[in-house]
Amino acid sequence: MLLSTFQTPIGTLNLIADEHVVLAANLSSVKALKESLSQEDSVREITSVKKIPVITDLLTDYFDGDIAALSAIHVRQSGGHFSQEAWKAMKKIRPGKVISYAELAVRAGSSAAIRAAGSACAKNAIVLVVPCHRIVKTGGSLGNYAYGLDKKEWLLRHEGAL
């Protein structure tokens, strides 16, 4: 597995990948990044590298204006069935678009699971690439974001959603 840090306009993005699959990404710390790995992956050897092939280039493309570049990045993270469905649904939201937590619940298979949809956003261990920043409250207010609403707002402006 490979570990890399990537400087972005919203802070340092920490990444762990297994070849061309992102396993974890955050804007906080490498320690928290490693703690977010699945039990199986947490015991594997991690090598620090300057760039992760393909993934770093796609992230550079995204921040350089190709807002669709993130959709080409493959991901894998552990979580329950509903969270997995919510993360798949998030990956399908086109850049520049937002949906509500209620709509995310519907797309993940349970219209009544609005709180669970919010929880899936909060538990998302692959920030940016699994675009939980594209989920907003019904009515359009931004809602929450683990790394601060200023970063969520920046990302949505960058993608043309605001």
C-alpha atoms as a PDB file:
ATOM      1  CA  MET A   1       0.000   0.000   0.000  1.00  0.00           C
ATOM      2  CA  LEU A   2       1.117   3.539  -0.696  1.00  0.00           C
ATOM      3  CA  LEU A   3       0.824   6.651   1.471  1.00  0.00           C
ATOM      4  CA  SER A   4       1.123  10.126   0.026  1.00  0.00           C
ATOM      5  CA  THR A   5       0.269  13.691   0.941  1.00  0.00           C
ATOM      6  CA  PHE A   6      -1.065  16.087  -1.642  1.00  0.00           C
ATOM      7  CA  GLN A   7      -1.230  19.870  -1.272  1.00  0.00           C
ATOM      8  CA  THR A   8      -4.602  21.326  -2.291  1.00  0.00           C
ATOM      9  CA  PRO A   9      -6.233  24.757  -2.080  1.00  0.00           C
ATOM     10  CA  ILE A  10      -8.216  23.478   0.934  1.00  0.00           C
ATOM     11  CA  GLY A  11      -5.317  21.899   2.828  1.00  0.00           C
ATOM     12  CA  THR A  12      -3.174  18.777   2.841  1.00  0.00           C
ATOM     13  CA  LEU A  13      -4.953  15.732   1.458  1.00  0.00           C
ATOM     14  CA  ASN A  14      -3.569  12.519   2.956  1.00  0.00           C
ATOM     15  CA  LEU A  15      -4.040   9.374   0.866  1.00  0.00           C
ATOM     16  CA  ILE A  16      -3.561   5.643   1.211  1.00  0.00           C
ATOM     17  CA  ALA A  17      -4.001   3.485  -1.874  1.00  0.00           C
ATOM     18  CA  ASP A  18      -3.631  -0.138  -2.848  1.00  0.00           C
ATOM     19  CA  GLU A  19      -2.261   0.159  -6.382  1.00  0.00           C
ATOM     20  CA  HIS A  20      -4.942   2.223  -8.188  1.00  0.00           C
ATOM     21  CA  VAL A  21      -7.637   1.955  -5.485  1.00  0.00           C
ATOM     22  CA  VAL A  22      -7.951   4.612  -2.785  1.00  0.00           C
ATOM     23  CA  LEU A  23      -8.561   3.078   0.649  1.00  0.00           C
ATOM     24  CA  ALA A  24      -8.522   6.274   2.707  1.00  0.00           C
ATOM     25  CA  ALA A  25      -8.295  10.025   2.157  1.00  0.00           C
ATOM     26  CA  ASN A  26      -8.629  12.839   4.680  1.00  0.00           C
ATOM     27  CA  LEU A  27      -7.772  16.451   5.344  1.00  0.00           C
ATOM     28  CA  SER A  28      -6.720  15.927   8.963  1.00  0.00           C
ATOM     29  CA  SER A  29      -3.793  13.666   9.860  1.00  0.00           C
ATOM     30  CA  VAL A  30      -1.924  10.585   8.702  1.00  0.00           C
ATOM     31  CA  LYS A  31      -2.631   9.000  12.106  1.00  0.00           C
ATOM     32  CA  ALA A  32      -6.408   9.400  11.594  1.00  0.00           C
ATOM     33  CA  LEU A  33      -5.994   8.196   8.014  1.00  0.00           C
ATOM     34  CA  LYS A  34      -4.373   4.951   9.136  1.00  0.00           C
ATOM     35  CA  GLU A  35      -7.038   4.498  11.836  1.00  0.00           C
ATOM     36  CA  SER A  36      -9.771   4.676   9.175  1.00  0.00           C
ATOM     37  CA  LEU A  37      -8.458   1.632   7.307  1.00  0.00           C
ATOM     38  CA  SER A  38     -10.302  -1.677   7.453  1.00  0.00           C
ATOM     39  CA  GLN A  39      -8.995  -4.192   9.952  1.00  0.00           C
ATOM     40  CA  GLU A  40      -7.463  -6.242   7.130  1.00  0.00           C
ATOM     41  CA  ASP A  41      -5.697  -3.268   5.564  1.00  0.00           C
ATOM     42  CA  SER A  42      -4.522  -1.782   8.879  1.00  0.00           C
ATOM     43  CA  VAL A  43      -1.983  -4.593   9.358  1.00  0.00           C
ATOM     44  CA  ARG A  44      -0.492  -4.331   5.871  1.00  0.00           C
ATOM     45  CA  GLU A  45       2.793  -2.578   5.153  1.00  0.00           C
ATOM     46  CA  ILE A  46       2.521   1.042   4.016  1.00  0.00           C
ATOM     47  CA  THR A  47       5.236   2.766   1.966  1.00  0.00           C
ATOM     48  CA  SER A  48       5.416   6.565   1.823  1.00  0.00           C
ATOM     49  CA  VAL A  49       5.745   7.949  -1.693  1.00  0.00           C
ATOM     50  CA  LYS A  50       5.786  11.398  -3.248  1.00  0.00           C
ATOM     51  CA  LYS A  51       3.040  10.527  -5.765  1.00  0.00           C
ATOM     52  CA  ILE A  52       0.599   7.662  -6.172  1.00  0.00           C
ATOM     53  CA  PRO A  53       0.526   6.673  -9.858  1.00  0.00           C
ATOM     54  CA  VAL A  54      -2.674   7.673 -11.673  1.00  0.00           C
ATOM     55  CA  ILE A  55      -4.429   8.872  -8.490  1.00  0.00           C
ATOM     56  CA  THR A  56      -2.190  11.897  -7.877  1.00  0.00           C
ATOM     57  CA  ASP A  57      -2.516  12.907 -11.537  1.00  0.00           C
ATOM     58  CA  LEU A  58      -6.324  12.673 -11.389  1.00  0.00           C
ATOM     59  CA  LEU A  59      -6.404  14.779  -8.214  1.00  0.00           C
ATOM     60  CA  THR A  60      -4.158  17.357  -9.869  1.00  0.00           C
ATOM     61  CA  ASP A  61      -6.524  17.406 -12.858  1.00  0.00           C
ATOM     62  CA  TYR A  62      -9.500  17.946 -10.516  1.00  0.00           C
ATOM     63  CA  PHE A  63      -7.932  20.923  -8.760  1.00  0.00           C
ATOM     64  CA  ASP A  64      -6.762  22.289 -12.128  1.00  0.00           C
ATOM     65  CA  GLY A  65     -10.403  22.449 -13.270  1.00  0.00           C
ATOM     66  CA  ASP A  66     -11.290  19.003 -14.652  1.00  0.00           C
ATOM     67  CA  ILE A  67     -14.028  18.479 -12.078  1.00  0.00           C
ATOM     68  CA  ALA A  68     -14.979  15.115 -13.591  1.00  0.00           C
ATOM     69  CA  ALA A  69     -11.513  13.638 -12.893  1.00  0.00           C
ATOM     70  CA  LEU A  70     -12.523  12.269  -9.468  1.00  0.00           C
ATOM     71  CA  SER A  71     -15.025   9.881 -11.034  1.00  0.00           C
ATOM     72  CA  ALA A  72     -12.134   7.910 -12.593  1.00  0.00           C
ATOM     73  CA  ILE A  73     -10.657   7.087  -9.168  1.00  0.00           C
ATOM     74  CA  HIS A  74     -11.597   3.690  -7.747  1.00  0.00           C
ATOM     75  CA  VAL A  75     -12.242   3.306  -4.022  1.00  0.00           C
ATOM     76  CA  ARG A  76     -12.737   0.653  -1.355  1.00  0.00           C
ATOM     77  CA  GLN A  77     -13.686   1.173   2.281  1.00  0.00           C
ATOM     78  CA  SER A  78     -15.255  -1.000   4.932  1.00  0.00           C
ATOM     79  CA  GLY A  79     -18.706  -0.315   6.312  1.00  0.00           C
ATOM     80  CA  GLY A  80     -22.192  -1.695   6.682  1.00  0.00           C
ATOM     81  CA  HIS A  81     -24.593  -2.401   3.822  1.00  0.00           C
ATOM     82  CA  PHE A  82     -26.432   0.933   3.967  1.00  0.00           C
ATOM     83  CA  SER A  83     -23.183   2.928   4.162  1.00  0.00           C
ATOM     84  CA  GLN A  84     -21.807   1.015   1.165  1.00  0.00           C
ATOM     85  CA  GLU A  85     -24.945   1.845  -0.829  1.00  0.00           C
ATOM     86  CA  ALA A  86     -24.774   5.496   0.254  1.00  0.00           C
ATOM     87  CA  TRP A  87     -21.113   5.755  -0.791  1.00  0.00           C
ATOM     88  CA  LYS A  88     -21.920   4.185  -4.180  1.00  0.00           C
ATOM     89  CA  ALA A  89     -24.744   6.706  -4.596  1.00  0.00           C
ATOM     90  CA  MET A  90     -22.400   9.588  -3.700  1.00  0.00           C
ATOM     91  CA  LYS A  91     -19.913   8.449  -6.357  1.00  0.00           C
ATOM     92  CA  LYS A  92     -22.711   8.706  -8.943  1.00  0.00           C
ATOM     93  CA  ILE A  93     -23.509  12.367  -8.217  1.00  0.00           C
ATOM     94  CA  ARG A  94     -22.187  14.367 -11.132  1.00  0.00           C
ATOM     95  CA  PRO A  95     -19.717  17.154 -10.349  1.00  0.00           C
ATOM     96  CA  GLY A  96     -21.477  20.482 -10.073  1.00  0.00           C
ATOM     97  CA  LYS A  97     -24.623  18.862  -8.688  1.00  0.00           C
ATOM     98  CA  VAL A  98     -25.813  18.386  -5.128  1.00  0.00           C
ATOM     99  CA  ILE A  99     -28.494  16.211  -3.576  1.00  0.00           C
ATOM    100  CA  SER A 100     -30.136  16.274  -0.166  1.00  0.00           C
ATOM    101  CA  TYR A 101     -29.548  13.819   2.648  1.00  0.00           C
ATOM    102  CA  ALA A 102     -33.149  12.662   2.027  1.00  0.00           C
ATOM    103  CA  GLU A 103     -32.391  11.994  -1.653  1.00  0.00           C
ATOM    104  CA  LEU A 104     -29.206  10.157  -0.664  1.00  0.00           C
ATOM    105  CA  ALA A 105     -31.300   7.920   1.613  1.00  0.00           C
ATOM    106  CA  VAL A 106     -33.624   7.121  -1.311  1.00  0.00           C
ATOM    107  CA  ARG A 107     -30.705   6.396  -3.658  1.00  0.00           C
ATOM    108  CA  ALA A 108     -29.122   4.155  -1.001  1.00  0.00           C
ATOM    109  CA  GLY A 109     -32.307   2.103  -0.756  1.00  0.00           C
ATOM    110  CA  SER A 110     -34.289   3.443   2.214  1.00  0.00           C
ATOM    111  CA  SER A 111     -36.267   6.682   2.042  1.00  0.00           C
ATOM    112  CA  ALA A 112     -36.742   6.559   5.833  1.00  0.00           C
ATOM    113  CA  ALA A 113     -32.992   6.385   6.543  1.00  0.00           C
ATOM    114  CA  ILE A 114     -32.182  10.101   6.377  1.00  0.00           C
ATOM    115  CA  ARG A 115     -30.164  10.026   9.617  1.00  0.00           C
ATOM    116  CA  ALA A 116     -28.298   6.951   8.377  1.00  0.00           C
ATOM    117  CA  ALA A 117     -27.489   8.871   5.175  1.00  0.00           C
ATOM    118  CA  GLY A 118     -25.993  11.647   7.290  1.00  0.00           C
ATOM    119  CA  SER A 119     -24.092   9.052   9.291  1.00  0.00           C
ATOM    120  CA  ALA A 120     -22.698   7.514   6.084  1.00  0.00           C
ATOM    121  CA  CYS A 121     -21.400  10.969   5.136  1.00  0.00           C
ATOM    122  CA  ALA A 122     -19.799  11.364   8.563  1.00  0.00           C
ATOM    123  CA  LYS A 123     -18.179   7.895   8.373  1.00  0.00           C
ATOM    124  CA  ASN A 124     -16.886   8.356   4.828  1.00  0.00           C
ATOM    125  CA  ALA A 125     -13.165   7.555   5.023  1.00  0.00           C
ATOM    126  CA  ILE A 126     -12.423   8.698   1.468  1.00  0.00           C
ATOM    127  CA  VAL A 127     -13.094  12.420   1.510  1.00  0.00           C
ATOM    128  CA  LEU A 128     -13.369  14.231  -1.830  1.00  0.00           C
ATOM    129  CA  VAL A 129     -13.174  11.073  -3.969  1.00  0.00           C
ATOM    130  CA  VAL A 130     -16.383   9.757  -2.384  1.00  0.00           C
ATOM    131  CA  PRO A 131     -17.969  13.190  -2.639  1.00  0.00           C
ATOM    132  CA  CYS A 132     -19.895  13.608   0.595  1.00  0.00           C
ATOM    133  CA  HIS A 133     -19.398  17.348   0.064  1.00  0.00           C
ATOM    134  CA  ARG A 134     -22.140  17.102  -2.614  1.00  0.00           C
ATOM    135  CA  ILE A 135     -24.768  16.242   0.019  1.00  0.00           C
ATOM    136  CA  VAL A 136     -26.731  19.198   1.415  1.00  0.00           C
ATOM    137  CA  LYS A 137     -29.782  19.741   3.582  1.00  0.00           C
ATOM    138  CA  THR A 138     -33.255  19.775   2.095  1.00  0.00           C
ATOM    139  CA  GLY A 139     -33.780  23.387   1.062  1.00  0.00           C
ATOM    140  CA  GLY A 140     -30.170  23.804  -0.046  1.00  0.00           C
ATOM    141  CA  SER A 141     -28.271  24.863   3.080  1.00  0.00           C
ATOM    142  CA  LEU A 142     -24.867  23.218   3.248  1.00  0.00           C
ATOM    143  CA  GLY A 143     -25.419  21.014   6.293  1.00  0.00           C
ATOM    144  CA  ASN A 144     -22.292  19.626   7.935  1.00  0.00           C
ATOM    145  CA  TYR A 145     -18.791  18.743   6.797  1.00  0.00           C
ATOM    146  CA  ALA A 146     -16.171  17.072   8.968  1.00  0.00           C
ATOM    147  CA  TYR A 147     -13.415  19.417   7.769  1.00  0.00           C
ATOM    148  CA  GLY A 148     -15.405  22.646   8.067  1.00  0.00           C
ATOM    149  CA  LEU A 149     -18.086  24.319   6.010  1.00  0.00           C
ATOM    150  CA  ASP A 150     -15.506  26.654   4.431  1.00  0.00           C
ATOM    151  CA  LYS A 151     -13.904  23.645   2.716  1.00  0.00           C
ATOM    152  CA  LYS A 152     -17.279  22.220   1.635  1.00  0.00           C
ATOM    153  CA  GLU A 153     -18.253  25.601   0.217  1.00  0.00           C
ATOM    154  CA  TRP A 154     -14.913  25.903  -1.625  1.00  0.00           C
ATOM    155  CA  LEU A 155     -15.344  22.447  -3.197  1.00  0.00           C
ATOM    156  CA  LEU A 156     -18.929  23.174  -4.298  1.00  0.00           C
ATOM    157  CA  ARG A 157     -17.886  26.545  -5.768  1.00  0.00           C
ATOM    158  CA  HIS A 158     -14.947  24.866  -7.547  1.00  0.00           C
ATOM    159  CA  GLU A 159     -17.392  22.368  -9.071  1.00  0.00           C
ATOM    160  CA  GLY A 160     -19.892  25.088 -10.047  1.00  0.00           C
ATOM    161  CA  ALA A 161     -22.635  23.918  -7.679  1.00  0.00           C
ATOM    162  CA  LEU A 162     -22.735  27.300  -5.861  1.00  0.00           C
END
